[in-house]
Amino acid sequence: MATLQELIAQKEALEAEIATTRQRELADAIAQVKSLVEANGLTATDIFGTGARRAKSGEKKTGKVAAKYKDPISGATWSGRGLAPKWLAGKNKEDYAIA
């Protein structure tokens, strides 16, 4: 049966071998990709796109919601969504409804 020290040494040896193998395989993959890019005359834009985020076809596009309440003193408005503004705190919001 192996001792704790022997098992730790085996673990360290395996971790070093894993790191070396990973570096070698990554270098091979990068070389292969570079070769394909050069052979086909590709650019980064061809491979990765413009970098602009595209909306998914199922995503809803939401716009700004119309104001439902207005403070007559400051002229500030509130759509009724999210937290109520401080000027409306403790008051009946129907008194400030926009007709």
PDB file of N, CA and C in Angstrom:
ATOM      1  N   MET A   1       0.841  -1.174   0.000  1.00  0.00           N
ATOM      2  CA  MET A   1       0.000   0.000   0.000  1.00  0.00           C
ATOM      3  C   MET A   1       0.892   1.245   0.000  1.00  0.00           C
ATOM      4  N   ALA A   2       0.493   2.250  -0.791  1.00  0.00           N
ATOM      5  CA  ALA A   2       1.296   3.457  -0.928  1.00  0.00           C
ATOM      6  C   ALA A   2       1.083   4.375   0.270  1.00  0.00           C
ATOM      7  N   THR A   3       2.136   5.091   0.592  1.00  0.00           N
ATOM      8  CA  THR A   3       2.037   6.046   1.689  1.00  0.00           C
ATOM      9  C   THR A   3       1.474   7.369   1.162  1.00  0.00           C
ATOM     10  N   LEU A   4       1.114   8.230   2.094  1.00  0.00           N
ATOM     11  CA  LEU A   4       0.576   9.534   1.717  1.00  0.00           C
ATOM     12  C   LEU A   4       1.596  10.319   0.897  1.00  0.00           C
ATOM     13  N   GLN A   5       2.841  10.286   1.299  1.00  0.00           N
ATOM     14  CA  GLN A   5       3.890  11.026   0.586  1.00  0.00           C
ATOM     15  C   GLN A   5       4.049  10.508  -0.838  1.00  0.00           C
ATOM     16  N   GLU A   6       3.965   9.199  -1.029  1.00  0.00           N
ATOM     17  CA  GLU A   6       4.096   8.617  -2.366  1.00  0.00           C
ATOM     18  C   GLU A   6       2.906   9.035  -3.250  1.00  0.00           C
ATOM     19  N   LEU A   7       1.721   9.035  -2.661  1.00  0.00           N
ATOM     20  CA  LEU A   7       0.542   9.429  -3.421  1.00  0.00           C
ATOM     21  C   LEU A   7       0.610  10.908  -3.815  1.00  0.00           C
ATOM     22  N   ILE A   8       1.087  11.765  -2.914  1.00  0.00           N
ATOM     23  CA  ILE A   8       1.234  13.186  -3.220  1.00  0.00           C
ATOM     24  C   ILE A   8       2.248  13.384  -4.343  1.00  0.00           C
ATOM     25  N   ALA A   9       3.339  12.630  -4.310  1.00  0.00           N
ATOM     26  CA  ALA A   9       4.359  12.721  -5.359  1.00  0.00           C
ATOM     27  C   ALA A   9       3.781  12.274  -6.703  1.00  0.00           C
ATOM     28  N   GLN A  10       2.978  11.204  -6.685  1.00  0.00           N
ATOM     29  CA  GLN A  10       2.346  10.732  -7.921  1.00  0.00           C
ATOM     30  C   GLN A  10       1.378  11.786  -8.472  1.00  0.00           C
ATOM     31  N   LYS A  11       0.631  12.402  -7.565  1.00  0.00           N
ATOM     32  CA  LYS A  11      -0.330  13.438  -7.970  1.00  0.00           C
ATOM     33  C   LYS A  11       0.396  14.607  -8.620  1.00  0.00           C
ATOM     34  N   GLU A  12       1.497  15.070  -8.022  1.00  0.00           N
ATOM     35  CA  GLU A  12       2.260  16.187  -8.571  1.00  0.00           C
ATOM     36  C   GLU A  12       2.840  15.835  -9.931  1.00  0.00           C
ATOM     37  N   ALA A  13       3.313  14.589 -10.074  1.00  0.00           N
ATOM     38  CA  ALA A  13       3.865  14.151 -11.360  1.00  0.00           C
ATOM     39  C   ALA A  13       2.769  14.135 -12.429  1.00  0.00           C
ATOM     40  N   LEU A  14       1.583  13.648 -12.070  1.00  0.00           N
ATOM     41  CA  LEU A  14       0.466  13.622 -13.018  1.00  0.00           C
ATOM     42  C   LEU A  14       0.021  15.038 -13.394  1.00  0.00           C
ATOM     43  N   GLU A  15      -0.040  15.941 -12.430  1.00  0.00           N
ATOM     44  CA  GLU A  15      -0.430  17.319 -12.728  1.00  0.00           C
ATOM     45  C   GLU A  15       0.563  17.992 -13.663  1.00  0.00           C
ATOM     46  N   ALA A  16       1.858  17.724 -13.473  1.00  0.00           N
ATOM     47  CA  ALA A  16       2.883  18.280 -14.360  1.00  0.00           C
ATOM     48  C   ALA A  16       2.730  17.701 -15.764  1.00  0.00           C
ATOM     49  N   GLU A  17       2.454  16.414 -15.852  1.00  0.00           N
ATOM     50  CA  GLU A  17       2.275  15.767 -17.156  1.00  0.00           C
ATOM     51  C   GLU A  17       1.016  16.302 -17.858  1.00  0.00           C
ATOM     52  N   ILE A  18      -0.043  16.522 -17.085  1.00  0.00           N
ATOM     53  CA  ILE A  18      -1.279  17.084 -17.641  1.00  0.00           C
ATOM     54  C   ILE A  18      -1.015  18.479 -18.208  1.00  0.00           C
ATOM     55  N   ALA A  19      -0.300  19.319 -17.469  1.00  0.00           N
ATOM     56  CA  ALA A  19      -0.003  20.677 -17.921  1.00  0.00           C
ATOM     57  C   ALA A  19       0.829  20.662 -19.199  1.00  0.00           C
ATOM     58  N   THR A  20       1.823  19.801 -19.253  1.00  0.00           N
ATOM     59  CA  THR A  20       2.675  19.703 -20.434  1.00  0.00           C
ATOM     60  C   THR A  20       1.879  19.240 -21.648  1.00  0.00           C
ATOM     61  N   THR A  21       1.060  18.220 -21.454  1.00  0.00           N
ATOM     62  CA  THR A  21       0.252  17.690 -22.546  1.00  0.00           C
ATOM     63  C   THR A  21      -0.750  18.729 -23.031  1.00  0.00           C
ATOM     64  N   ARG A  22      -1.353  19.455 -22.104  1.00  0.00           N
ATOM     65  CA  ARG A  22      -2.316  20.497 -22.483  1.00  0.00           C
ATOM     66  C   ARG A  22      -1.643  21.575 -23.316  1.00  0.00           C
ATOM     67  N   GLN A  23      -0.471  22.042 -22.898  1.00  0.00           N
ATOM     68  CA  GLN A  23       0.242  23.068 -23.648  1.00  0.00           C
ATOM     69  C   GLN A  23       0.590  22.575 -25.050  1.00  0.00           C
ATOM     70  N   ARG A  24       1.025  21.336 -25.160  1.00  0.00           N
ATOM     71  CA  ARG A  24       1.399  20.778 -26.460  1.00  0.00           C
ATOM     72  C   ARG A  24       0.178  20.680 -27.375  1.00  0.00           C
ATOM     73  N   GLU A  25      -0.954  20.188 -26.835  1.00  0.00           N
ATOM     74  CA  GLU A  25      -2.159  20.049 -27.649  1.00  0.00           C
ATOM     75  C   GLU A  25      -2.733  21.407 -28.057  1.00  0.00           C
ATOM     76  N   LEU A  26      -2.669  22.394 -27.166  1.00  0.00           N
ATOM     77  CA  LEU A  26      -3.126  23.736 -27.523  1.00  0.00           C
ATOM     78  C   LEU A  26      -2.259  24.337 -28.624  1.00  0.00           C
ATOM     79  N   ALA A  27      -0.948  24.150 -28.523  1.00  0.00           N
ATOM     80  CA  ALA A  27      -0.037  24.661 -29.545  1.00  0.00           C
ATOM     81  C   ALA A  27      -0.329  23.999 -30.892  1.00  0.00           C
ATOM     82  N   ASP A  28      -0.606  22.692 -30.895  1.00  0.00           N
ATOM     83  CA  ASP A  28      -0.948  21.989 -32.133  1.00  0.00           C
ATOM     84  C   ASP A  28      -2.256  22.519 -32.719  1.00  0.00           C
ATOM     85  N   ALA A  29      -3.253  22.747 -31.864  1.00  0.00           N
ATOM     86  CA  ALA A  29      -4.546  23.247 -32.331  1.00  0.00           C
ATOM     87  C   ALA A  29      -4.401  24.645 -32.913  1.00  0.00           C
ATOM     88  N   ILE A  30      -3.637  25.497 -32.257  1.00  0.00           N
ATOM     89  CA  ILE A  30      -3.429  26.861 -32.745  1.00  0.00           C
ATOM     90  C   ILE A  30      -2.717  26.840 -34.086  1.00  0.00           C
ATOM     91  N   ALA A  31      -1.720  25.989 -34.222  1.00  0.00           N
ATOM     92  CA  ALA A  31      -0.994  25.878 -35.489  1.00  0.00           C
ATOM     93  C   ALA A  31      -1.924  25.411 -36.600  1.00  0.00           C
ATOM     94  N   GLN A  32      -2.799  24.473 -36.299  1.00  0.00           N
ATOM     95  CA  GLN A  32      -3.743  23.970 -37.293  1.00  0.00           C
ATOM     96  C   GLN A  32      -4.721  25.067 -37.724  1.00  0.00           C
ATOM     97  N   VAL A  33      -5.220  25.832 -36.760  1.00  0.00           N
ATOM     98  CA  VAL A  33      -6.153  26.917 -37.075  1.00  0.00           C
ATOM     99  C   VAL A  33      -5.459  27.981 -37.909  1.00  0.00           C
ATOM    100  N   LYS A  34      -4.248  28.360 -37.537  1.00  0.00           N
ATOM    101  CA  LYS A  34      -3.510  29.360 -38.305  1.00  0.00           C
ATOM    102  C   LYS A  34      -3.291  28.893 -39.742  1.00  0.00           C
ATOM    103  N   SER A  35      -2.989  27.626 -39.901  1.00  0.00           N
ATOM    104  CA  SER A  35      -2.777  27.059 -41.227  1.00  0.00           C
ATOM    105  C   SER A  35      -4.047  27.161 -42.067  1.00  0.00           C
ATOM    106  N   LEU A  36      -5.189  26.830 -41.481  1.00  0.00           N
ATOM    107  CA  LEU A  36      -6.462  26.913 -42.203  1.00  0.00           C
ATOM    108  C   LEU A  36      -6.817  28.355 -42.550  1.00  0.00           C
ATOM    109  N   VAL A  37      -6.559  29.279 -41.640  1.00  0.00           N
ATOM    110  CA  VAL A  37      -6.854  30.690 -41.873  1.00  0.00           C
ATOM    111  C   VAL A  37      -6.011  31.204 -43.037  1.00  0.00           C
ATOM    112  N   GLU A  38      -4.727  30.894 -43.021  1.00  0.00           N
ATOM    113  CA  GLU A  38      -3.836  31.354 -44.088  1.00  0.00           C
ATOM    114  C   GLU A  38      -4.185  30.701 -45.418  1.00  0.00           C
ATOM    115  N   ALA A  39      -4.500  29.411 -45.413  1.00  0.00           N
ATOM    116  CA  ALA A  39      -4.797  28.689 -46.647  1.00  0.00           C
ATOM    117  C   ALA A  39      -6.066  29.201 -47.311  1.00  0.00           C
ATOM    118  N   ASN A  40      -7.012  29.665 -46.523  1.00  0.00           N
ATOM    119  CA  ASN A  40      -8.292  30.108 -47.072  1.00  0.00           C
ATOM    120  C   ASN A  40      -8.435  31.624 -47.118  1.00  0.00           C
ATOM    121  N   GLY A  41      -7.414  32.351 -46.687  1.00  0.00           N
ATOM    122  CA  GLY A  41      -7.444  33.814 -46.735  1.00  0.00           C
ATOM    123  C   GLY A  41      -8.528  34.417 -45.855  1.00  0.00           C
ATOM    124  N   LEU A  42      -8.739  33.850 -44.696  1.00  0.00           N
ATOM    125  CA  LEU A  42      -9.784  34.320 -43.794  1.00  0.00           C
ATOM    126  C   LEU A  42      -9.279  35.449 -42.902  1.00  0.00           C
ATOM    127  N   THR A  43     -10.218  36.251 -42.420  1.00  0.00           N
ATOM    128  CA  THR A  43      -9.894  37.306 -41.463  1.00  0.00           C
ATOM    129  C   THR A  43     -10.583  36.988 -40.142  1.00  0.00           C
ATOM    130  N   ALA A  44     -10.245  37.755 -39.124  1.00  0.00           N
ATOM    131  CA  ALA A  44     -10.876  37.550 -37.813  1.00  0.00           C
ATOM    132  C   ALA A  44     -12.378  37.803 -37.901  1.00  0.00           C
ATOM    133  N   THR A  45     -12.794  38.761 -38.725  1.00  0.00           N
ATOM    134  CA  THR A  45     -14.218  39.048 -38.891  1.00  0.00           C
ATOM    135  C   THR A  45     -14.935  37.870 -39.538  1.00  0.00           C
ATOM    136  N   ASP A  46     -14.265  37.202 -40.498  1.00  0.00           N
ATOM    137  CA  ASP A  46     -14.864  36.025 -41.125  1.00  0.00           C
ATOM    138  C   ASP A  46     -15.126  34.929 -40.102  1.00  0.00           C
ATOM    139  N   ILE A  47     -14.245  34.799 -39.159  1.00  0.00           N
ATOM    140  CA  ILE A  47     -14.348  33.712 -38.184  1.00  0.00           C
ATOM    141  C   ILE A  47     -15.237  34.082 -37.016  1.00  0.00           C
ATOM    142  N   PHE A  48     -15.028  35.265 -36.443  1.00  0.00           N
ATOM    143  CA  PHE A  48     -15.716  35.643 -35.212  1.00  0.00           C
ATOM    144  C   PHE A  48     -16.862  36.620 -35.417  1.00  0.00           C
ATOM    145  N   GLY A  49     -17.077  37.110 -36.612  1.00  0.00           N
ATOM    146  CA  GLY A  49     -18.142  38.065 -36.859  1.00  0.00           C
ATOM    147  C   GLY A  49     -17.698  39.474 -36.521  1.00  0.00           C
ATOM    148  N   THR A  50     -18.645  40.388 -36.521  1.00  0.00           N
ATOM    149  CA  THR A  50     -18.324  41.800 -36.299  1.00  0.00           C
ATOM    150  C   THR A  50     -18.181  42.151 -34.832  1.00  0.00           C
ATOM    151  N   GLY A  51     -18.618  41.264 -33.971  1.00  0.00           N
ATOM    152  CA  GLY A  51     -18.566  41.556 -32.551  1.00  0.00           C
ATOM    153  C   GLY A  51     -19.842  42.181 -32.050  1.00  0.00           C
ATOM    154  N   ALA A  52     -20.719  42.591 -32.964  1.00  0.00           N
ATOM    155  CA  ALA A  52     -22.006  43.156 -32.568  1.00  0.00           C
ATOM    156  C   ALA A  52     -22.899  42.021 -32.096  1.00  0.00           C
ATOM    157  N   ARG A  53     -23.582  42.258 -31.043  1.00  0.00           N
ATOM    158  CA  ARG A  53     -24.454  41.232 -30.497  1.00  0.00           C
ATOM    159  C   ARG A  53     -25.751  41.207 -31.293  1.00  0.00           C
ATOM    160  N   ARG A  54     -26.106  40.018 -31.737  1.00  0.00           N
ATOM    161  CA  ARG A  54     -27.328  39.878 -32.522  1.00  0.00           C
ATOM    162  C   ARG A  54     -28.460  39.449 -31.621  1.00  0.00           C
ATOM    163  N   ALA A  55     -29.638  40.025 -31.854  1.00  0.00           N
ATOM    164  CA  ALA A  55     -30.816  39.664 -31.070  1.00  0.00           C
ATOM    165  C   ALA A  55     -31.318  38.302 -31.530  1.00  0.00           C
ATOM    166  N   LYS A  56     -31.732  37.486 -30.601  1.00  0.00           N
ATOM    167  CA  LYS A  56     -32.306  36.196 -30.942  1.00  0.00           C
ATOM    168  C   LYS A  56     -33.672  36.438 -31.568  1.00  0.00           C
ATOM    169  N   SER A  57     -34.064  35.548 -32.441  1.00  0.00           N
ATOM    170  CA  SER A  57     -35.317  35.752 -33.159  1.00  0.00           C
ATOM    171  C   SER A  57     -36.521  35.744 -32.221  1.00  0.00           C
ATOM    172  N   GLY A  58     -36.436  35.052 -31.103  1.00  0.00           N
ATOM    173  CA  GLY A  58     -37.558  34.974 -30.194  1.00  0.00           C
ATOM    174  C   GLY A  58     -37.591  36.061 -29.146  1.00  0.00           C
ATOM    175  N   GLU A  59     -36.567  36.908 -29.106  1.00  0.00           N
ATOM    176  CA  GLU A  59     -36.520  37.944 -28.077  1.00  0.00           C
ATOM    177  C   GLU A  59     -37.513  39.055 -28.375  1.00  0.00           C
ATOM    178  N   LYS A  60     -38.148  39.526 -27.333  1.00  0.00           N
ATOM    179  CA  LYS A  60     -39.070  40.644 -27.481  1.00  0.00           C
ATOM    180  C   LYS A  60     -38.283  41.939 -27.350  1.00  0.00           C
ATOM    181  N   LYS A  61     -38.602  42.865 -28.187  1.00  0.00           N
ATOM    182  CA  LYS A  61     -37.968  44.175 -28.102  1.00  0.00           C
ATOM    183  C   LYS A  61     -38.932  45.082 -27.349  1.00  0.00           C
ATOM    184  N   THR A  62     -38.489  45.547 -26.198  1.00  0.00           N
ATOM    185  CA  THR A  62     -39.350  46.411 -25.398  1.00  0.00           C
ATOM    186  C   THR A  62     -38.867  47.838 -25.529  1.00  0.00           C
ATOM    187  N   GLY A  63     -39.810  48.720 -25.609  1.00  0.00           N
ATOM    188  CA  GLY A  63     -39.492  50.137 -25.715  1.00  0.00           C
ATOM    189  C   GLY A  63     -39.813  50.842 -24.418  1.00  0.00           C
ATOM    190  N   LYS A  64     -39.755  52.135 -24.467  1.00  0.00           N
ATOM    191  CA  LYS A  64     -40.059  52.940 -23.302  1.00  0.00           C
ATOM    192  C   LYS A  64     -41.577  52.943 -23.090  1.00  0.00           C
ATOM    193  N   VAL A  65     -41.977  52.832 -21.840  1.00  0.00           N
ATOM    194  CA  VAL A  65     -43.393  52.788 -21.492  1.00  0.00           C
ATOM    195  C   VAL A  65     -43.885  54.210 -21.236  1.00  0.00           C
ATOM    196  N   ALA A  66     -45.102  54.486 -21.673  1.00  0.00           N
ATOM    197  CA  ALA A  66     -45.681  55.822 -21.492  1.00  0.00           C
ATOM    198  C   ALA A  66     -45.914  56.105 -20.010  1.00  0.00           C
ATOM    199  N   ALA A  67     -45.763  57.350 -19.651  1.00  0.00           N
ATOM    200  CA  ALA A  67     -45.956  57.772 -18.260  1.00  0.00           C
ATOM    201  C   ALA A  67     -47.427  57.689 -17.885  1.00  0.00           C
ATOM    202  N   LYS A  68     -47.692  57.243 -16.655  1.00  0.00           N
ATOM    203  CA  LYS A  68     -49.065  57.153 -16.160  1.00  0.00           C
ATOM    204  C   LYS A  68     -49.339  58.172 -15.056  1.00  0.00           C
ATOM    205  N   TYR A  69     -48.267  58.634 -14.407  1.00  0.00           N
ATOM    206  CA  TYR A  69     -48.421  59.562 -13.279  1.00  0.00           C
ATOM    207  C   TYR A  69     -47.463  60.729 -13.457  1.00  0.00           C
ATOM    208  N   LYS A  70     -47.919  61.928 -13.024  1.00  0.00           N
ATOM    209  CA  LYS A  70     -47.088  63.126 -13.169  1.00  0.00           C
ATOM    210  C   LYS A  70     -47.185  63.977 -11.912  1.00  0.00           C
ATOM    211  N   ASP A  71     -46.019  64.450 -11.466  1.00  0.00           N
ATOM    212  CA  ASP A  71     -45.954  65.359 -10.327  1.00  0.00           C
ATOM    213  C   ASP A  71     -46.207  66.774 -10.847  1.00  0.00           C
ATOM    214  N   PRO A  72     -47.271  67.431 -10.407  1.00  0.00           N
ATOM    215  CA  PRO A  72     -47.572  68.771 -10.924  1.00  0.00           C
ATOM    216  C   PRO A  72     -46.559  69.832 -10.515  1.00  0.00           C
ATOM    217  N   ILE A  73     -45.840  69.616  -9.442  1.00  0.00           N
ATOM    218  CA  ILE A  73     -44.881  70.618  -8.959  1.00  0.00           C
ATOM    219  C   ILE A  73     -43.581  70.553  -9.771  1.00  0.00           C
ATOM    220  N   SER A  74     -42.991  69.361  -9.857  1.00  0.00           N
ATOM    221  CA  SER A  74     -41.702  69.246 -10.537  1.00  0.00           C
ATOM    222  C   SER A  74     -41.836  68.856 -12.005  1.00  0.00           C
ATOM    223  N   GLY A  75     -42.977  68.286 -12.380  1.00  0.00           N
ATOM    224  CA  GLY A  75     -43.160  67.841 -13.752  1.00  0.00           C
ATOM    225  C   GLY A  75     -42.602  66.444 -13.999  1.00  0.00           C
ATOM    226  N   ALA A  76     -42.079  65.811 -12.943  1.00  0.00           N
ATOM    227  CA  ALA A  76     -41.523  64.462 -13.071  1.00  0.00           C
ATOM    228  C   ALA A  76     -42.643  63.468 -13.339  1.00  0.00           C
ATOM    229  N   THR A  77     -42.341  62.450 -14.116  1.00  0.00           N
ATOM    230  CA  THR A  77     -43.341  61.440 -14.442  1.00  0.00           C
ATOM    231  C   THR A  77     -42.877  60.063 -13.996  1.00  0.00           C
ATOM    232  N   TRP A  78     -43.846  59.129 -13.943  1.00  0.00           N
ATOM    233  CA  TRP A  78     -43.568  57.753 -13.565  1.00  0.00           C
ATOM    234  C   TRP A  78     -44.477  56.858 -14.377  1.00  0.00           C
ATOM    235  N   SER A  79     -43.951  55.762 -14.891  1.00  0.00           N
ATOM    236  CA  SER A  79     -44.718  54.852 -15.738  1.00  0.00           C
ATOM    237  C   SER A  79     -45.581  53.884 -14.947  1.00  0.00           C
ATOM    238  N   GLY A  80     -45.347  53.774 -13.653  1.00  0.00           N
ATOM    239  CA  GLY A  80     -46.081  52.817 -12.845  1.00  0.00           C
ATOM    240  C   GLY A  80     -45.331  51.515 -12.691  1.00  0.00           C
ATOM    241  N   ARG A  81     -44.175  51.415 -13.303  1.00  0.00           N
ATOM    242  CA  ARG A  81     -43.341  50.221 -13.193  1.00  0.00           C
ATOM    243  C   ARG A  81     -42.160  50.501 -12.278  1.00  0.00           C
ATOM    244  N   GLY A  82     -41.718  49.467 -11.589  1.00  0.00           N
ATOM    245  CA  GLY A  82     -40.578  49.629 -10.702  1.00  0.00           C
ATOM    246  C   GLY A  82     -40.978  50.314  -9.409  1.00  0.00           C
ATOM    247  N   LEU A  83     -39.978  50.747  -8.678  1.00  0.00           N
ATOM    248  CA  LEU A  83     -40.233  51.425  -7.405  1.00  0.00           C
ATOM    249  C   LEU A  83     -40.901  52.770  -7.642  1.00  0.00           C
ATOM    250  N   ALA A  84     -41.817  53.098  -6.758  1.00  0.00           N
ATOM    251  CA  ALA A  84     -42.486  54.390  -6.859  1.00  0.00           C
ATOM    252  C   ALA A  84     -41.494  55.500  -6.500  1.00  0.00           C
ATOM    253  N   PRO A  85     -41.574  56.635  -7.177  1.00  0.00           N
ATOM    254  CA  PRO A  85     -40.655  57.733  -6.884  1.00  0.00           C
ATOM    255  C   PRO A  85     -40.961  58.361  -5.524  1.00  0.00           C
ATOM    256  N   LYS A  86     -39.999  59.100  -5.003  1.00  0.00           N
ATOM    257  CA  LYS A  86     -40.148  59.718  -3.678  1.00  0.00           C
ATOM    258  C   LYS A  86     -41.265  60.751  -3.640  1.00  0.00           C
ATOM    259  N   TRP A  87     -41.490  61.450  -4.747  1.00  0.00           N
ATOM    260  CA  TRP A  87     -42.539  62.462  -4.742  1.00  0.00           C
ATOM    261  C   TRP A  87     -43.930  61.850  -4.630  1.00  0.00           C
ATOM    262  N   LEU A  88     -44.045  60.538  -4.836  1.00  0.00           N
ATOM    263  CA  LEU A  88     -45.327  59.858  -4.756  1.00  0.00           C
ATOM    264  C   LEU A  88     -45.471  59.042  -3.467  1.00  0.00           C
ATOM    265  N   ALA A  89     -44.412  58.993  -2.677  1.00  0.00           N
ATOM    266  CA  ALA A  89     -44.419  58.184  -1.451  1.00  0.00           C
ATOM    267  C   ALA A  89     -45.467  58.687  -0.464  1.00  0.00           C
ATOM    268  N   GLY A  90     -46.294  57.753   0.021  1.00  0.00           N
ATOM    269  CA  GLY A  90     -47.292  58.082   1.024  1.00  0.00           C
ATOM    270  C   GLY A  90     -48.493  58.841   0.485  1.00  0.00           C
ATOM    271  N   LYS A  91     -48.608  58.977  -0.817  1.00  0.00           N
ATOM    272  CA  LYS A  91     -49.723  59.714  -1.415  1.00  0.00           C
ATOM    273  C   LYS A  91     -50.561  58.762  -2.265  1.00  0.00           C
ATOM    274  N   ASN A  92     -51.774  59.163  -2.549  1.00  0.00           N
ATOM    275  CA  ASN A  92     -52.643  58.381  -3.409  1.00  0.00           C
ATOM    276  C   ASN A  92     -52.198  58.604  -4.846  1.00  0.00           C
ATOM    277  N   LYS A  93     -51.719  57.549  -5.493  1.00  0.00           N
ATOM    278  CA  LYS A  93     -51.179  57.728  -6.835  1.00  0.00           C
ATOM    279  C   LYS A  93     -52.255  58.083  -7.861  1.00  0.00           C
ATOM    280  N   GLU A  94     -53.498  57.762  -7.587  1.00  0.00           N
ATOM    281  CA  GLU A  94     -54.575  58.088  -8.515  1.00  0.00           C
ATOM    282  C   GLU A  94     -54.771  59.609  -8.630  1.00  0.00           C
ATOM    283  N   ASP A  95     -54.375  60.336  -7.593  1.00  0.00           N
ATOM    284  CA  ASP A  95     -54.465  61.794  -7.648  1.00  0.00           C
ATOM    285  C   ASP A  95     -53.477  62.384  -8.658  1.00  0.00           C
ATOM    286  N   TYR A  96     -52.470  61.625  -8.989  1.00  0.00           N
ATOM    287  CA  TYR A  96     -51.424  62.085  -9.909  1.00  0.00           C
ATOM    288  C   TYR A  96     -51.503  61.415 -11.266  1.00  0.00           C
ATOM    289  N   ALA A  97     -52.578  60.670 -11.527  1.00  0.00           N
ATOM    290  CA  ALA A  97     -52.740  59.963 -12.806  1.00  0.00           C
ATOM    291  C   ALA A  97     -52.880  60.945 -13.954  1.00  0.00           C
ATOM    292  N   ILE A  98     -52.244  60.615 -15.056  1.00  0.00           N
ATOM    293  CA  ILE A  98     -52.342  61.425 -16.269  1.00  0.00           C
ATOM    294  C   ILE A  98     -53.601  60.986 -16.996  1.00  0.00           C
ATOM    295  N   ALA A  99     -54.441  61.935 -17.368  1.00  0.00           N
ATOM    296  CA  ALA A  99     -55.719  61.610 -18.022  1.00  0.00           C
ATOM    297  C   ALA A  99     -55.535  61.085 -19.410  1.00  0.00           C
TER     298      ALA A  99
END
